[in-house]
Amino acid sequence: MPTIKIKNLEKYYPGENGEMTHALTDINMEIRDGEFVCIVGPSGCGKSTLLEIVAGLLEHTAGEVLLDDVPVKGTSRDIGVVFQDASLYPWRTIKKNIAFGMDIAKVPKDERVKRGLSQELPEYQYASFLVQSADKLSNGEPVDLSPYVPKTVTKEMEEDFFTILKERRSVREFTDQEVPDEIIDKVLEAGLWAAHGCNVQSIKYVVVREKNEPGLFKGSDVPGGPVHLVILQDMRCYKANSFTPVRNQLLDAGAAGQNIVLAAHAAGLEGVWLTFPNQEFSDRLRKKFELPDYIRMVTYVDVGYGDQTPHPPLRSSVEDAVLAKY
């Protein structure tokens, strides 16, 4: 038995001078259960109009549309629609847009969790995608949410997630205790010893204490009162070494960052090596520091006295970390 029947369907629109425009004329069709049907034709021939009528979104002028022998009269929860354009609500979050159908159907929270729409557990696999989508949505841009596929969260996954989260936070939270300038200078000196012998003067710094510029590093996601050590490169140092690969140039800055973290640890501090989260963040810092074009911003390290009370470090012991000795 056909699932969808279209009989003598017609759709008219009032046109200029009182004349009627025929969008659809005498359309007859039967679509059986399980069939995959494509409706093709030039732009403006009525393809979208036909689909909107079948979905109950648009009233037809004459004829009838039957779904399992029941006339289609208006929208129904039994009919799903995928629109050609983005149809999202900018005042709702990405997850709330995805869950809109469940809101309408009043699906209980337990059932949502089973379908992978838990609100308690962030899905790190899609974190960057969701943040970018939220930015586009807030700016009124169209968003394609099809790459986002919520997954069911098991108890084991939840435990693994919070273990990783606590481990991550154990070196990313700082107290407000001020780090003396002489310790910061020692830490910075360690970074200067990291660059390759021919590029020893390429590494430069900007030092920012959080208390002196609150909010400047907004978006770095590091609580407390750290000292931000921005690692820069004077690109003029590489002009005489044009044969130096870009990866080697970046390794100079990377090695400096690693030395800074190790020196901070040796001085009784905690250090976390970070990257600039987006271009807007980098541009904000460059403007604030009034950096010339030949200075490249590479990365930054936050150092300070760690606050490990809520999340003790979960580092492995040396015995556990060494897999083999020869």
C-alpha atoms as a PDB file:
ATOM      1  CA  MET A   1       0.000   0.000   0.000  1.00  0.00           C
ATOM      2  CA  PRO A   2       1.415   3.433  -0.903  1.00  0.00           C
ATOM      3  CA  THR A   3       2.675   5.514   1.995  1.00  0.00           C
ATOM      4  CA  ILE A   4       2.122   8.838   0.212  1.00  0.00           C
ATOM      5  CA  LYS A   5      -0.572   9.539  -2.381  1.00  0.00           C
ATOM      6  CA  ILE A   6      -0.805  12.804  -4.294  1.00  0.00           C
ATOM      7  CA  LYS A   7      -3.995  13.234  -6.334  1.00  0.00           C
ATOM      8  CA  ASN A   8      -4.764  16.044  -8.784  1.00  0.00           C
ATOM      9  CA  LEU A   9      -2.688  18.454  -6.694  1.00  0.00           C
ATOM     10  CA  GLU A  10      -2.729  22.129  -7.657  1.00  0.00           C
ATOM     11  CA  LYS A  11      -1.285  25.247  -6.097  1.00  0.00           C
ATOM     12  CA  TYR A  12      -2.051  28.817  -7.226  1.00  0.00           C
ATOM     13  CA  TYR A  13      -0.564  32.095  -6.071  1.00  0.00           C
ATOM     14  CA  PRO A  14      -2.186  35.477  -6.679  1.00  0.00           C
ATOM     15  CA  GLY A  15      -0.089  37.377  -9.191  1.00  0.00           C
ATOM     16  CA  GLU A  16      -0.066  40.847 -10.649  1.00  0.00           C
ATOM     17  CA  ASN A  17      -3.279  42.364 -12.009  1.00  0.00           C
ATOM     18  CA  GLY A  18      -5.315  39.851 -10.038  1.00  0.00           C
ATOM     19  CA  GLU A  19      -4.211  36.930 -12.199  1.00  0.00           C
ATOM     20  CA  MET A  20      -3.335  33.585 -10.606  1.00  0.00           C
ATOM     21  CA  THR A  21       0.104  32.018 -11.021  1.00  0.00           C
ATOM     22  CA  HIS A  22       0.044  28.237 -11.365  1.00  0.00           C
ATOM     23  CA  ALA A  23       2.898  26.843  -9.257  1.00  0.00           C
ATOM     24  CA  LEU A  24       1.639  23.244  -9.487  1.00  0.00           C
ATOM     25  CA  THR A  25      -0.939  21.858 -11.898  1.00  0.00           C
ATOM     26  CA  ASP A  26      -2.516  18.380 -11.818  1.00  0.00           C
ATOM     27  CA  ILE A  27       0.273  16.592  -9.917  1.00  0.00           C
ATOM     28  CA  ASN A  28      -0.321  12.868  -9.358  1.00  0.00           C
ATOM     29  CA  MET A  29       2.135  10.584  -7.595  1.00  0.00           C
ATOM     30  CA  GLU A  30       2.352   7.519  -5.393  1.00  0.00           C
ATOM     31  CA  ILE A  31       5.379   6.868  -3.178  1.00  0.00           C
ATOM     32  CA  ARG A  32       5.496   3.430  -1.626  1.00  0.00           C
ATOM     33  CA  ASP A  33       7.039   2.483   1.702  1.00  0.00           C
ATOM     34  CA  GLY A  34      10.830   2.224   1.431  1.00  0.00           C
ATOM     35  CA  GLU A  35      11.129   4.004  -1.914  1.00  0.00           C
ATOM     36  CA  PHE A  36      13.717   6.761  -2.416  1.00  0.00           C
ATOM     37  CA  VAL A  37      12.309   9.377  -4.780  1.00  0.00           C
ATOM     38  CA  CYS A  38      14.074  12.396  -6.299  1.00  0.00           C
ATOM     39  CA  ILE A  39      12.113  15.329  -7.698  1.00  0.00           C
ATOM     40  CA  VAL A  40      14.144  17.163 -10.329  1.00  0.00           C
ATOM     41  CA  GLY A  41      13.501  20.200 -12.459  1.00  0.00           C
ATOM     42  CA  PRO A  42      14.696  23.736 -13.196  1.00  0.00           C
ATOM     43  CA  SER A  43      14.689  26.467 -10.604  1.00  0.00           C
ATOM     44  CA  GLY A  44      11.197  27.777  -9.898  1.00  0.00           C
ATOM     45  CA  CYS A  45       9.317  24.771 -11.277  1.00  0.00           C
ATOM     46  CA  GLY A  46       7.681  24.020  -7.905  1.00  0.00           C
ATOM     47  CA  LYS A  47       9.884  21.337  -6.316  1.00  0.00           C
ATOM     48  CA  SER A  48      10.079  23.057  -2.930  1.00  0.00           C
ATOM     49  CA  THR A  49       6.400  24.003  -3.090  1.00  0.00           C
ATOM     50  CA  LEU A  50       5.452  20.353  -3.588  1.00  0.00           C
ATOM     51  CA  LEU A  51       7.607  19.188  -0.675  1.00  0.00           C
ATOM     52  CA  GLU A  52       6.231  21.888   1.615  1.00  0.00           C
ATOM     53  CA  ILE A  53       2.671  20.827   0.788  1.00  0.00           C
ATOM     54  CA  VAL A  54       3.478  17.151   1.442  1.00  0.00           C
ATOM     55  CA  ALA A  55       5.075  18.114   4.776  1.00  0.00           C
ATOM     56  CA  GLY A  56       2.001  20.110   5.765  1.00  0.00           C
ATOM     57  CA  LEU A  57       3.889  23.403   5.807  1.00  0.00           C
ATOM     58  CA  LEU A  58       1.936  24.920   2.917  1.00  0.00           C
ATOM     59  CA  GLU A  59      -1.760  24.706   2.075  1.00  0.00           C
ATOM     60  CA  HIS A  60      -2.633  23.497  -1.424  1.00  0.00           C
ATOM     61  CA  THR A  61      -5.312  25.006  -3.651  1.00  0.00           C
ATOM     62  CA  ALA A  62      -6.905  21.821  -4.975  1.00  0.00           C
ATOM     63  CA  GLY A  63      -6.459  18.058  -4.930  1.00  0.00           C
ATOM     64  CA  GLU A  64      -5.322  16.033  -1.950  1.00  0.00           C
ATOM     65  CA  VAL A  65      -2.253  14.614  -0.221  1.00  0.00           C
ATOM     66  CA  LEU A  66      -2.638  11.395   1.798  1.00  0.00           C
ATOM     67  CA  LEU A  67      -0.176   9.930   4.279  1.00  0.00           C
ATOM     68  CA  ASP A  68      -1.154   6.301   4.886  1.00  0.00           C
ATOM     69  CA  ASP A  69      -4.603   7.217   3.522  1.00  0.00           C
ATOM     70  CA  VAL A  70      -4.955  10.065   6.038  1.00  0.00           C
ATOM     71  CA  PRO A  71      -5.248  13.578   4.524  1.00  0.00           C
ATOM     72  CA  VAL A  72      -2.304  15.864   5.324  1.00  0.00           C
ATOM     73  CA  LYS A  73      -3.736  18.989   6.902  1.00  0.00           C
ATOM     74  CA  GLY A  74      -1.028  21.067   8.520  1.00  0.00           C
ATOM     75  CA  THR A  75       2.126  20.010  10.329  1.00  0.00           C
ATOM     76  CA  SER A  76       2.417  16.717  12.182  1.00  0.00           C
ATOM     77  CA  ARG A  77       4.975  15.103  14.483  1.00  0.00           C
ATOM     78  CA  ASP A  78       4.855  12.090  12.180  1.00  0.00           C
ATOM     79  CA  ILE A  79       6.508  14.091   9.385  1.00  0.00           C
ATOM     80  CA  GLY A  80      10.168  15.120   9.567  1.00  0.00           C
ATOM     81  CA  VAL A  81      11.635  17.881   7.418  1.00  0.00           C
ATOM     82  CA  VAL A  82      15.234  18.694   6.471  1.00  0.00           C
ATOM     83  CA  PHE A  83      15.293  22.249   5.149  1.00  0.00           C
ATOM     84  CA  GLN A  84      17.486  23.488   2.302  1.00  0.00           C
ATOM     85  CA  ASP A  85      18.768  26.394   4.386  1.00  0.00           C
ATOM     86  CA  ALA A  86      19.966  26.560   7.983  1.00  0.00           C
ATOM     87  CA  SER A  87      16.908  26.682  10.220  1.00  0.00           C
ATOM     88  CA  LEU A  88      18.384  27.340  13.636  1.00  0.00           C
ATOM     89  CA  TYR A  89      17.314  29.673  16.419  1.00  0.00           C
ATOM     90  CA  PRO A  90      20.143  32.126  17.226  1.00  0.00           C
ATOM     91  CA  TRP A  91      18.907  32.597  20.804  1.00  0.00           C
ATOM     92  CA  ARG A  92      19.308  28.879  21.553  1.00  0.00           C
ATOM     93  CA  THR A  93      22.640  27.157  22.155  1.00  0.00           C
ATOM     94  CA  ILE A  94      23.955  24.599  19.674  1.00  0.00           C
ATOM     95  CA  LYS A  95      22.870  21.683  21.863  1.00  0.00           C
ATOM     96  CA  LYS A  96      19.474  23.235  22.505  1.00  0.00           C
ATOM     97  CA  ASN A  97      18.964  23.623  18.751  1.00  0.00           C
ATOM     98  CA  ILE A  98      19.818  19.963  18.280  1.00  0.00           C
ATOM     99  CA  ALA A  99      17.450  19.017  21.102  1.00  0.00           C
ATOM    100  CA  PHE A 100      14.627  21.252  19.847  1.00  0.00           C
ATOM    101  CA  GLY A 101      12.610  18.305  18.564  1.00  0.00           C
ATOM    102  CA  MET A 102      12.963  16.572  21.925  1.00  0.00           C
ATOM    103  CA  ASP A 103      11.783  19.738  23.663  1.00  0.00           C
ATOM    104  CA  ILE A 104       8.646  19.818  21.513  1.00  0.00           C
ATOM    105  CA  ALA A 105       8.046  16.105  22.098  1.00  0.00           C
ATOM    106  CA  LYS A 106       8.749  16.541  25.841  1.00  0.00           C
ATOM    107  CA  VAL A 107      11.316  13.713  25.834  1.00  0.00           C
ATOM    108  CA  PRO A 108      12.397  13.088  29.473  1.00  0.00           C
ATOM    109  CA  LYS A 109      15.977  13.739  30.569  1.00  0.00           C
ATOM    110  CA  ASP A 110      16.846  10.050  31.007  1.00  0.00           C
ATOM    111  CA  GLU A 111      15.858   9.332  27.428  1.00  0.00           C
ATOM    112  CA  ARG A 112      17.925  12.278  26.178  1.00  0.00           C
ATOM    113  CA  VAL A 113      20.984  10.916  27.957  1.00  0.00           C
ATOM    114  CA  LYS A 114      20.443   7.549  26.250  1.00  0.00           C
ATOM    115  CA  ARG A 115      20.396   9.341  22.902  1.00  0.00           C
ATOM    116  CA  GLY A 116      23.695  11.088  23.653  1.00  0.00           C
ATOM    117  CA  LEU A 117      22.351  14.531  24.577  1.00  0.00           C
ATOM    118  CA  SER A 118      23.587  14.632  28.154  1.00  0.00           C
ATOM    119  CA  GLN A 119      24.077  18.174  29.431  1.00  0.00           C
ATOM    120  CA  GLU A 120      26.564  17.197  32.134  1.00  0.00           C
ATOM    121  CA  LEU A 121      29.429  15.808  30.063  1.00  0.00           C
ATOM    122  CA  PRO A 122      31.125  17.955  27.396  1.00  0.00           C
ATOM    123  CA  GLU A 123      32.092  16.050  24.263  1.00  0.00           C
ATOM    124  CA  TYR A 124      35.689  17.105  23.678  1.00  0.00           C
ATOM    125  CA  GLN A 125      35.776  15.514  20.229  1.00  0.00           C
ATOM    126  CA  TYR A 126      33.353  18.168  19.014  1.00  0.00           C
ATOM    127  CA  ALA A 127      34.318  21.011  21.378  1.00  0.00           C
ATOM    128  CA  SER A 128      36.098  23.136  18.763  1.00  0.00           C
ATOM    129  CA  PHE A 129      33.356  22.510  16.182  1.00  0.00           C
ATOM    130  CA  LEU A 130      30.612  23.483  18.623  1.00  0.00           C
ATOM    131  CA  VAL A 131      32.400  26.676  19.680  1.00  0.00           C
ATOM    132  CA  GLN A 132      32.907  27.734  16.056  1.00  0.00           C
ATOM    133  CA  SER A 133      29.277  26.914  15.273  1.00  0.00           C
ATOM    134  CA  ALA A 134      28.115  28.968  18.245  1.00  0.00           C
ATOM    135  CA  ASP A 135      30.129  31.962  17.002  1.00  0.00           C
ATOM    136  CA  LYS A 136      28.567  31.681  13.549  1.00  0.00           C
ATOM    137  CA  LEU A 137      25.103  31.243  14.988  1.00  0.00           C
ATOM    138  CA  SER A 138      25.414  34.332  17.187  1.00  0.00           C
ATOM    139  CA  ASN A 139      26.477  36.328  14.107  1.00  0.00           C
ATOM    140  CA  GLY A 140      23.441  35.180  12.143  1.00  0.00           C
ATOM    141  CA  GLU A 141      25.459  32.957   9.796  1.00  0.00           C
ATOM    142  CA  PRO A 142      24.106  29.618   8.520  1.00  0.00           C
ATOM    143  CA  VAL A 143      25.390  26.578  10.407  1.00  0.00           C
ATOM    144  CA  ASP A 144      25.545  22.953   9.304  1.00  0.00           C
ATOM    145  CA  LEU A 145      25.224  20.736  12.374  1.00  0.00           C
ATOM    146  CA  SER A 146      25.338  17.447  10.465  1.00  0.00           C
ATOM    147  CA  PRO A 147      28.976  16.668  11.480  1.00  0.00           C
ATOM    148  CA  TYR A 148      27.892  16.642  15.118  1.00  0.00           C
ATOM    149  CA  VAL A 149      26.764  13.152  16.101  1.00  0.00           C
ATOM    150  CA  PRO A 150      25.971  12.859  19.840  1.00  0.00           C
ATOM    151  CA  LYS A 151      27.012   9.571  21.359  1.00  0.00           C
ATOM    152  CA  THR A 152      25.696   7.653  24.308  1.00  0.00           C
ATOM    153  CA  VAL A 153      27.836   8.282  27.407  1.00  0.00           C
ATOM    154  CA  THR A 154      28.676   5.154  29.398  1.00  0.00           C
ATOM    155  CA  LYS A 155      29.742   5.094  33.040  1.00  0.00           C
ATOM    156  CA  GLU A 156      33.282   4.128  32.006  1.00  0.00           C
ATOM    157  CA  MET A 157      33.494   7.058  29.580  1.00  0.00           C
ATOM    158  CA  GLU A 158      32.307   9.421  32.300  1.00  0.00           C
ATOM    159  CA  GLU A 159      34.959   8.176  34.734  1.00  0.00           C
ATOM    160  CA  ASP A 160      37.702   8.475  32.090  1.00  0.00           C
ATOM    161  CA  PHE A 161      36.591  11.995  31.226  1.00  0.00           C
ATOM    162  CA  PHE A 162      36.697  13.284  34.780  1.00  0.00           C
ATOM    163  CA  THR A 163      40.090  11.631  35.345  1.00  0.00           C
ATOM    164  CA  ILE A 164      41.465  13.531  32.347  1.00  0.00           C
ATOM    165  CA  LEU A 165      39.728  16.716  33.466  1.00  0.00           C
ATOM    166  CA  LYS A 166      41.205  16.543  36.973  1.00  0.00           C
ATOM    167  CA  GLU A 167      44.642  15.781  35.582  1.00  0.00           C
ATOM    168  CA  ARG A 168      44.346  18.760  33.254  1.00  0.00           C
ATOM    169  CA  ARG A 169      43.226  21.106  36.027  1.00  0.00           C
ATOM    170  CA  SER A 170      46.014  19.957  38.386  1.00  0.00           C
ATOM    171  CA  VAL A 171      48.555  22.093  36.494  1.00  0.00           C
ATOM    172  CA  ARG A 172      46.234  24.844  35.271  1.00  0.00           C
ATOM    173  CA  GLU A 173      45.103  26.505  38.496  1.00  0.00           C
ATOM    174  CA  PHE A 174      47.148  29.039  40.422  1.00  0.00           C
ATOM    175  CA  THR A 175      46.970  30.853  43.734  1.00  0.00           C
ATOM    176  CA  ASP A 176      47.148  34.642  43.959  1.00  0.00           C
ATOM    177  CA  GLN A 177      50.580  34.492  45.624  1.00  0.00           C
ATOM    178  CA  GLU A 178      52.951  36.804  43.766  1.00  0.00           C
ATOM    179  CA  VAL A 179      56.018  35.302  42.095  1.00  0.00           C
ATOM    180  CA  PRO A 180      59.176  37.390  42.801  1.00  0.00           C
ATOM    181  CA  ASP A 181      60.789  39.124  39.817  1.00  0.00           C
ATOM    182  CA  GLU A 182      64.118  37.372  40.410  1.00  0.00           C
ATOM    183  CA  ILE A 183      62.471  33.955  39.995  1.00  0.00           C
ATOM    184  CA  ILE A 184      60.735  35.063  36.798  1.00  0.00           C
ATOM    185  CA  ASP A 185      64.089  36.306  35.452  1.00  0.00           C
ATOM    186  CA  LYS A 186      65.702  32.920  36.174  1.00  0.00           C
ATOM    187  CA  VAL A 187      62.861  31.129  34.409  1.00  0.00           C
ATOM    188  CA  LEU A 188      63.154  33.416  31.380  1.00  0.00           C
ATOM    189  CA  GLU A 189      66.928  32.903  31.287  1.00  0.00           C
ATOM    190  CA  ALA A 190      66.369  29.160  30.969  1.00  0.00           C
ATOM    191  CA  GLY A 191      64.272  29.806  27.885  1.00  0.00           C
ATOM    192  CA  LEU A 192      67.089  31.778  26.259  1.00  0.00           C
ATOM    193  CA  TRP A 193      69.407  28.761  26.488  1.00  0.00           C
ATOM    194  CA  ALA A 194      67.041  26.641  24.435  1.00  0.00           C
ATOM    195  CA  ALA A 195      67.447  28.129  20.951  1.00  0.00           C
ATOM    196  CA  HIS A 196      69.874  26.675  18.402  1.00  0.00           C
ATOM    197  CA  GLY A 197      73.392  28.071  18.501  1.00  0.00           C
ATOM    198  CA  CYS A 198      72.955  30.145  15.340  1.00  0.00           C
ATOM    199  CA  ASN A 199      69.682  31.701  16.487  1.00  0.00           C
ATOM    200  CA  VAL A 200      70.407  32.524  20.114  1.00  0.00           C
ATOM    201  CA  GLN A 201      69.034  36.066  19.811  1.00  0.00           C
ATOM    202  CA  SER A 202      65.746  35.166  18.134  1.00  0.00           C
ATOM    203  CA  ILE A 203      63.784  34.588  21.358  1.00  0.00           C
ATOM    204  CA  LYS A 204      62.043  37.612  22.904  1.00  0.00           C
ATOM    205  CA  TYR A 205      59.466  37.913  25.688  1.00  0.00           C
ATOM    206  CA  VAL A 206      56.556  39.948  26.927  1.00  0.00           C
ATOM    207  CA  VAL A 207      55.846  39.425  30.645  1.00  0.00           C
ATOM    208  CA  VAL A 208      52.334  40.140  31.926  1.00  0.00           C
ATOM    209  CA  ARG A 209      51.177  39.667  35.505  1.00  0.00           C
ATOM    210  CA  GLU A 210      47.484  38.807  35.614  1.00  0.00           C
ATOM    211  CA  LYS A 211      46.831  41.246  38.467  1.00  0.00           C
ATOM    212  CA  ASN A 212      48.238  44.148  36.390  1.00  0.00           C
ATOM    213  CA  GLU A 213      46.218  43.380  33.240  1.00  0.00           C
ATOM    214  CA  PRO A 214      43.093  41.524  34.408  1.00  0.00           C
ATOM    215  CA  GLY A 215      41.086  40.142  31.528  1.00  0.00           C
ATOM    216  CA  LEU A 216      43.733  40.738  28.853  1.00  0.00           C
ATOM    217  CA  PHE A 217      44.257  37.002  28.580  1.00  0.00           C
ATOM    218  CA  LYS A 218      40.533  36.278  28.740  1.00  0.00           C
ATOM    219  CA  GLY A 219      39.972  32.992  26.979  1.00  0.00           C
ATOM    220  CA  SER A 220      43.185  31.380  28.219  1.00  0.00           C
ATOM    221  CA  ASP A 221      41.104  29.343  30.702  1.00  0.00           C
ATOM    222  CA  VAL A 222      43.684  29.563  33.494  1.00  0.00           C
ATOM    223  CA  PRO A 223      42.231  30.646  36.873  1.00  0.00           C
ATOM    224  CA  GLY A 224      44.100  32.393  39.668  1.00  0.00           C
ATOM    225  CA  GLY A 225      46.982  34.835  39.433  1.00  0.00           C
ATOM    226  CA  PRO A 226      49.551  33.439  36.983  1.00  0.00           C
ATOM    227  CA  VAL A 227      52.329  35.304  35.208  1.00  0.00           C
ATOM    228  CA  HIS A 228      51.867  35.144  31.442  1.00  0.00           C
ATOM    229  CA  LEU A 229      55.196  34.702  29.619  1.00  0.00           C
ATOM    230  CA  VAL A 230      54.575  35.367  25.923  1.00  0.00           C
ATOM    231  CA  ILE A 231      57.272  33.815  23.730  1.00  0.00           C
ATOM    232  CA  LEU A 232      58.121  35.829  20.626  1.00  0.00           C
ATOM    233  CA  GLN A 233      60.597  35.499  17.779  1.00  0.00           C
ATOM    234  CA  ASP A 234      62.547  38.284  16.107  1.00  0.00           C
ATOM    235  CA  MET A 235      62.275  37.086  12.514  1.00  0.00           C
ATOM    236  CA  ARG A 236      65.139  39.337  11.410  1.00  0.00           C
ATOM    237  CA  CYS A 237      67.478  36.792  12.989  1.00  0.00           C
ATOM    238  CA  TYR A 238      66.501  34.276  10.321  1.00  0.00           C
ATOM    239  CA  LYS A 239      67.106  36.471   7.273  1.00  0.00           C
ATOM    240  CA  ALA A 240      70.758  35.452   7.127  1.00  0.00           C
ATOM    241  CA  ASN A 241      69.686  31.816   7.485  1.00  0.00           C
ATOM    242  CA  SER A 242      67.057  31.610   4.774  1.00  0.00           C
ATOM    243  CA  PHE A 243      67.843  27.912   4.409  1.00  0.00           C
ATOM    244  CA  THR A 244      66.542  27.251   7.950  1.00  0.00           C
ATOM    245  CA  PRO A 245      63.230  25.327   7.654  1.00  0.00           C
ATOM    246  CA  VAL A 246      60.170  26.899   9.258  1.00  0.00           C
ATOM    247  CA  ARG A 247      59.819  23.886  11.549  1.00  0.00           C
ATOM    248  CA  ASN A 248      63.299  24.591  12.945  1.00  0.00           C
ATOM    249  CA  GLN A 249      62.346  28.211  13.585  1.00  0.00           C
ATOM    250  CA  LEU A 250      59.278  27.081  15.507  1.00  0.00           C
ATOM    251  CA  LEU A 251      61.357  24.526  17.402  1.00  0.00           C
ATOM    252  CA  ASP A 252      63.452  27.399  18.761  1.00  0.00           C
ATOM    253  CA  ALA A 253      60.345  28.899  20.366  1.00  0.00           C
ATOM    254  CA  GLY A 254      59.018  25.488  21.378  1.00  0.00           C
ATOM    255  CA  ALA A 255      62.268  24.553  23.087  1.00  0.00           C
ATOM    256  CA  ALA A 256      62.229  27.893  24.916  1.00  0.00           C
ATOM    257  CA  GLY A 257      58.716  27.169  26.170  1.00  0.00           C
ATOM    258  CA  GLN A 258      59.704  23.707  27.348  1.00  0.00           C
ATOM    259  CA  ASN A 259      62.766  25.034  29.181  1.00  0.00           C
ATOM    260  CA  ILE A 260      60.605  27.666  30.875  1.00  0.00           C
ATOM    261  CA  VAL A 261      58.178  25.017  32.151  1.00  0.00           C
ATOM    262  CA  LEU A 262      61.044  22.872  33.490  1.00  0.00           C
ATOM    263  CA  ALA A 263      62.758  25.860  35.113  1.00  0.00           C
ATOM    264  CA  ALA A 264      59.488  26.910  36.731  1.00  0.00           C
ATOM    265  CA  HIS A 265      59.082  23.414  38.179  1.00  0.00           C
ATOM    266  CA  ALA A 266      62.657  23.502  39.505  1.00  0.00           C
ATOM    267  CA  ALA A 267      61.882  26.837  41.194  1.00  0.00           C
ATOM    268  CA  GLY A 268      58.862  25.392  42.993  1.00  0.00           C
ATOM    269  CA  LEU A 269      56.302  26.808  40.557  1.00  0.00           C
ATOM    270  CA  GLU A 270      53.764  25.195  38.281  1.00  0.00           C
ATOM    271  CA  GLY A 271      53.882  25.956  34.586  1.00  0.00           C
ATOM    272  CA  VAL A 272      51.546  25.252  31.696  1.00  0.00           C
ATOM    273  CA  TRP A 273      52.469  25.697  28.055  1.00  0.00           C
ATOM    274  CA  LEU A 274      49.550  27.149  26.085  1.00  0.00           C
ATOM    275  CA  THR A 275      48.652  28.201  22.555  1.00  0.00           C
ATOM    276  CA  PHE A 276      46.675  31.181  21.356  1.00  0.00           C
ATOM    277  CA  PRO A 277      43.063  29.952  21.034  1.00  0.00           C
ATOM    278  CA  ASN A 278      42.168  32.098  18.016  1.00  0.00           C
ATOM    279  CA  GLN A 279      43.302  34.958  15.801  1.00  0.00           C
ATOM    280  CA  GLU A 280      41.262  37.532  17.719  1.00  0.00           C
ATOM    281  CA  PHE A 281      43.156  36.600  20.883  1.00  0.00           C
ATOM    282  CA  SER A 282      46.516  37.014  19.139  1.00  0.00           C
ATOM    283  CA  ASP A 283      45.519  40.316  17.530  1.00  0.00           C
ATOM    284  CA  ARG A 284      44.399  41.684  20.906  1.00  0.00           C
ATOM    285  CA  LEU A 285      47.776  40.935  22.464  1.00  0.00           C
ATOM    286  CA  ARG A 286      49.752  42.259  19.485  1.00  0.00           C
ATOM    287  CA  LYS A 287      47.857  45.544  19.607  1.00  0.00           C
ATOM    288  CA  LYS A 288      48.307  45.858  23.365  1.00  0.00           C
ATOM    289  CA  PHE A 289      52.054  45.200  23.200  1.00  0.00           C
ATOM    290  CA  GLU A 290      52.512  47.361  20.057  1.00  0.00           C
ATOM    291  CA  LEU A 291      54.623  44.666  18.422  1.00  0.00           C
ATOM    292  CA  PRO A 292      56.250  45.391  15.029  1.00  0.00           C
ATOM    293  CA  ASP A 293      55.591  43.144  12.044  1.00  0.00           C
ATOM    294  CA  TYR A 294      58.958  41.387  12.269  1.00  0.00           C
ATOM    295  CA  ILE A 295      58.082  40.001  15.708  1.00  0.00           C
ATOM    296  CA  ARG A 296      56.241  36.681  15.518  1.00  0.00           C
ATOM    297  CA  MET A 297      53.980  35.608  18.373  1.00  0.00           C
ATOM    298  CA  VAL A 298      54.376  31.865  18.828  1.00  0.00           C
ATOM    299  CA  THR A 299      53.051  30.658  22.178  1.00  0.00           C
ATOM    300  CA  TYR A 300      52.962  31.516  25.856  1.00  0.00           C
ATOM    301  CA  VAL A 301      53.580  29.857  29.199  1.00  0.00           C
ATOM    302  CA  ASP A 302      51.669  30.587  32.402  1.00  0.00           C
ATOM    303  CA  VAL A 303      53.660  30.123  35.600  1.00  0.00           C
ATOM    304  CA  GLY A 304      52.804  30.631  39.250  1.00  0.00           C
ATOM    305  CA  TYR A 305      52.266  28.902  42.550  1.00  0.00           C
ATOM    306  CA  GLY A 306      49.934  26.020  41.800  1.00  0.00           C
ATOM    307  CA  ASP A 307      46.650  25.502  43.580  1.00  0.00           C
ATOM    308  CA  GLN A 308      46.455  21.714  43.666  1.00  0.00           C
ATOM    309  CA  THR A 309      43.971  21.484  46.519  1.00  0.00           C
ATOM    310  CA  PRO A 310      40.920  20.705  44.362  1.00  0.00           C
ATOM    311  CA  HIS A 311      42.794  18.553  41.845  1.00  0.00           C
ATOM    312  CA  PRO A 312      46.015  16.857  43.060  1.00  0.00           C
ATOM    313  CA  PRO A 313      48.421  16.037  40.197  1.00  0.00           C
ATOM    314  CA  LEU A 314      48.017  12.590  38.680  1.00  0.00           C
ATOM    315  CA  ARG A 315      51.477  12.235  37.139  1.00  0.00           C
ATOM    316  CA  SER A 316      52.913   8.752  36.763  1.00  0.00           C
ATOM    317  CA  SER A 317      55.922   7.695  38.779  1.00  0.00           C
ATOM    318  CA  VAL A 318      59.246   7.233  36.986  1.00  0.00           C
ATOM    319  CA  GLU A 319      58.917   3.473  37.473  1.00  0.00           C
ATOM    320  CA  ASP A 320      55.546   3.449  35.722  1.00  0.00           C
ATOM    321  CA  ALA A 321      56.657   5.795  32.945  1.00  0.00           C
ATOM    322  CA  VAL A 322      59.795   3.852  31.899  1.00  0.00           C
ATOM    323  CA  LEU A 323      58.624   0.962  29.743  1.00  0.00           C
ATOM    324  CA  ALA A 324      62.042  -0.582  29.142  1.00  0.00           C
ATOM    325  CA  LYS A 325      65.733  -0.151  29.932  1.00  0.00           C
ATOM    326  CA  TYR A 326      68.572  -1.592  27.869  1.00  0.00           C
END
